[in-house]
Amino acid sequence: SLAATNLQFGISTSIVEPGAIRTAFVTNAEQAEVENLPEDMQEAYKKYKAAMNAAFEGNTAQTAEQVAEVIVQAIEDGENKKASLRYQTSPAAAAGVKAKLCD
């Protein structure tokens, strides 16, 4: 990984892993018109769209400021030689990372 390579040069590398951020991303994203999708995909798309709306507009979504606080913390930890490799910005983000990293 880049972190291992950078460490040889005294550079610590961290990954900031945000979850959903409360923005108009889902609303502004180009979206397929359900009726134009193949019939066997329409129900799956509706479920996907509902999940994305819930994640980005619900109570689990963070503000950009909350994510920025974690980024600042990662920078400060690096300056104090206490940097972690990974920083999740919320419990929801941590749960998502945990799910991705399990076998």
C-alpha atoms as a PDB file:
ATOM      1  CA  SER A   1       0.000   0.000   0.000  1.00  0.00           C
ATOM      2  CA  LEU A   2       1.009   3.604  -0.341  1.00  0.00           C
ATOM      3  CA  ALA A   3       1.202   3.858   3.448  1.00  0.00           C
ATOM      4  CA  ALA A   4       3.986   1.269   3.635  1.00  0.00           C
ATOM      5  CA  THR A   5       5.904   2.921   0.804  1.00  0.00           C
ATOM      6  CA  ASN A   6       5.577   6.400   2.319  1.00  0.00           C
ATOM      7  CA  LEU A   7       6.670   5.193   5.752  1.00  0.00           C
ATOM      8  CA  GLN A   8      10.134   4.467   4.317  1.00  0.00           C
ATOM      9  CA  PHE A   9      10.449   8.217   3.760  1.00  0.00           C
ATOM     10  CA  GLY A  10       9.061   9.204   7.173  1.00  0.00           C
ATOM     11  CA  ILE A  11       5.651  10.107   5.774  1.00  0.00           C
ATOM     12  CA  SER A  12       2.586   8.786   7.544  1.00  0.00           C
ATOM     13  CA  THR A  13      -0.459   8.136   5.378  1.00  0.00           C
ATOM     14  CA  SER A  14      -4.020   7.992   6.602  1.00  0.00           C
ATOM     15  CA  ILE A  15      -7.295   7.080   4.959  1.00  0.00           C
ATOM     16  CA  VAL A  16     -10.380   9.109   5.879  1.00  0.00           C
ATOM     17  CA  GLU A  17     -13.494   7.026   5.276  1.00  0.00           C
ATOM     18  CA  PRO A  18     -16.658   9.098   5.424  1.00  0.00           C
ATOM     19  CA  GLY A  19     -20.128   7.681   5.347  1.00  0.00           C
ATOM     20  CA  ALA A  20     -23.015   9.460   3.713  1.00  0.00           C
ATOM     21  CA  ILE A  21     -22.693  13.240   3.849  1.00  0.00           C
ATOM     22  CA  ARG A  22     -25.861  15.303   4.067  1.00  0.00           C
ATOM     23  CA  THR A  23     -25.850  17.069   0.722  1.00  0.00           C
ATOM     24  CA  ALA A  24     -28.039  17.255  -2.367  1.00  0.00           C
ATOM     25  CA  PHE A  25     -25.878  14.592  -4.035  1.00  0.00           C
ATOM     26  CA  VAL A  26     -28.663  12.041  -4.521  1.00  0.00           C
ATOM     27  CA  THR A  27     -31.156  14.685  -5.607  1.00  0.00           C
ATOM     28  CA  ASN A  28     -28.732  16.217  -8.093  1.00  0.00           C
ATOM     29  CA  ALA A  29     -27.338  12.955  -9.465  1.00  0.00           C
ATOM     30  CA  GLU A  30     -28.523  11.957 -12.881  1.00  0.00           C
ATOM     31  CA  GLN A  31     -31.060   9.215 -12.339  1.00  0.00           C
ATOM     32  CA  ALA A  32     -32.575   6.721 -14.689  1.00  0.00           C
ATOM     33  CA  GLU A  33     -36.276   6.946 -15.324  1.00  0.00           C
ATOM     34  CA  VAL A  34     -37.644   3.753 -13.833  1.00  0.00           C
ATOM     35  CA  GLU A  35     -40.067   3.173 -16.668  1.00  0.00           C
ATOM     36  CA  ASN A  36     -37.159   3.156 -19.165  1.00  0.00           C
ATOM     37  CA  LEU A  37     -35.340   0.343 -17.351  1.00  0.00           C
ATOM     38  CA  PRO A  38     -35.870  -3.299 -18.248  1.00  0.00           C
ATOM     39  CA  GLU A  39     -38.816  -4.616 -16.285  1.00  0.00           C
ATOM     40  CA  ASP A  40     -36.704  -7.080 -14.275  1.00  0.00           C
ATOM     41  CA  MET A  41     -34.493  -4.200 -13.025  1.00  0.00           C
ATOM     42  CA  GLN A  42     -37.192  -1.727 -12.035  1.00  0.00           C
ATOM     43  CA  GLU A  43     -37.874  -3.121  -8.550  1.00  0.00           C
ATOM     44  CA  ALA A  44     -34.163  -3.415  -7.721  1.00  0.00           C
ATOM     45  CA  TYR A  45     -33.592   0.173  -8.850  1.00  0.00           C
ATOM     46  CA  LYS A  46     -36.474   1.435  -6.711  1.00  0.00           C
ATOM     47  CA  LYS A  47     -34.994  -0.309  -3.651  1.00  0.00           C
ATOM     48  CA  TYR A  48     -31.525   1.064  -4.406  1.00  0.00           C
ATOM     49  CA  LYS A  49     -32.862   4.601  -4.842  1.00  0.00           C
ATOM     50  CA  ALA A  50     -34.812   4.380  -1.575  1.00  0.00           C
ATOM     51  CA  ALA A  51     -31.703   3.154   0.275  1.00  0.00           C
ATOM     52  CA  MET A  52     -29.583   5.980  -1.135  1.00  0.00           C
ATOM     53  CA  ASN A  53     -32.209   8.572  -0.242  1.00  0.00           C
ATOM     54  CA  ALA A  54     -32.399   7.193   3.299  1.00  0.00           C
ATOM     55  CA  ALA A  55     -28.616   7.174   3.709  1.00  0.00           C
ATOM     56  CA  PHE A  56     -27.944  10.650   2.352  1.00  0.00           C
ATOM     57  CA  GLU A  57     -30.965  12.427   3.772  1.00  0.00           C
ATOM     58  CA  GLY A  58     -31.558  10.492   6.980  1.00  0.00           C
ATOM     59  CA  ASN A  59     -30.232  10.818  10.487  1.00  0.00           C
ATOM     60  CA  THR A  60     -27.186   8.669   9.708  1.00  0.00           C
ATOM     61  CA  ALA A  61     -25.854  11.208   7.199  1.00  0.00           C
ATOM     62  CA  GLN A  62     -23.243  13.632   8.485  1.00  0.00           C
ATOM     63  CA  THR A  63     -22.615  17.246   7.759  1.00  0.00           C
ATOM     64  CA  ALA A  64     -19.539  18.267   5.797  1.00  0.00           C
ATOM     65  CA  GLU A  65     -18.338  20.037   8.943  1.00  0.00           C
ATOM     66  CA  GLN A  66     -18.392  16.776  10.920  1.00  0.00           C
ATOM     67  CA  VAL A  67     -16.256  15.101   8.266  1.00  0.00           C
ATOM     68  CA  ALA A  68     -13.897  18.087   8.244  1.00  0.00           C
ATOM     69  CA  GLU A  69     -13.389  17.696  12.016  1.00  0.00           C
ATOM     70  CA  VAL A  70     -12.139  14.143  11.480  1.00  0.00           C
ATOM     71  CA  ILE A  71      -9.812  15.294   8.699  1.00  0.00           C
ATOM     72  CA  VAL A  72      -8.358  17.953  10.993  1.00  0.00           C
ATOM     73  CA  GLN A  73      -7.932  15.322  13.727  1.00  0.00           C
ATOM     74  CA  ALA A  74      -6.069  13.049  11.289  1.00  0.00           C
ATOM     75  CA  ILE A  75      -3.752  15.918  10.354  1.00  0.00           C
ATOM     76  CA  GLU A  76      -3.102  16.792  13.982  1.00  0.00           C
ATOM     77  CA  ASP A  77      -2.454  13.135  14.833  1.00  0.00           C
ATOM     78  CA  GLY A  78       0.061  13.007  11.987  1.00  0.00           C
ATOM     79  CA  GLU A  79       1.823  16.113  13.225  1.00  0.00           C
ATOM     80  CA  ASN A  80       2.018  14.539  16.696  1.00  0.00           C
ATOM     81  CA  LYS A  81       3.302  11.217  15.287  1.00  0.00           C
ATOM     82  CA  LYS A  82       0.107   9.468  16.453  1.00  0.00           C
ATOM     83  CA  ALA A  83      -1.595   8.975  13.088  1.00  0.00           C
ATOM     84  CA  SER A  84      -3.804   5.966  12.489  1.00  0.00           C
ATOM     85  CA  LEU A  85      -4.020   4.317   9.102  1.00  0.00           C
ATOM     86  CA  ARG A  86      -7.824   4.548   8.988  1.00  0.00           C
ATOM     87  CA  TYR A  87     -10.274   7.156  10.258  1.00  0.00           C
ATOM     88  CA  GLN A  88     -13.994   6.556   9.925  1.00  0.00           C
ATOM     89  CA  THR A  89     -16.039   9.696  10.335  1.00  0.00           C
ATOM     90  CA  SER A  90     -19.123   8.166  11.973  1.00  0.00           C
ATOM     91  CA  PRO A  91     -20.451   4.940  13.484  1.00  0.00           C
ATOM     92  CA  ALA A  92     -22.276   4.283  10.209  1.00  0.00           C
ATOM     93  CA  ALA A  93     -19.030   4.659   8.261  1.00  0.00           C
ATOM     94  CA  ALA A  94     -17.253   2.320  10.697  1.00  0.00           C
ATOM     95  CA  ALA A  95     -20.002  -0.280  10.261  1.00  0.00           C
ATOM     96  CA  GLY A  96     -19.685  -0.012   6.486  1.00  0.00           C
ATOM     97  CA  VAL A  97     -15.920  -0.503   6.627  1.00  0.00           C
ATOM     98  CA  LYS A  98     -16.310  -3.430   8.985  1.00  0.00           C
ATOM     99  CA  ALA A  99     -18.784  -5.059   6.591  1.00  0.00           C
ATOM    100  CA  LYS A 100     -16.445  -4.541   3.627  1.00  0.00           C
ATOM    101  CA  LEU A 101     -13.419  -5.978   5.407  1.00  0.00           C
ATOM    102  CA  CYS A 102     -14.997  -9.176   6.719  1.00  0.00           C
ATOM    103  CA  ASP A 103     -14.737 -12.456   4.844  1.00  0.00           C
END
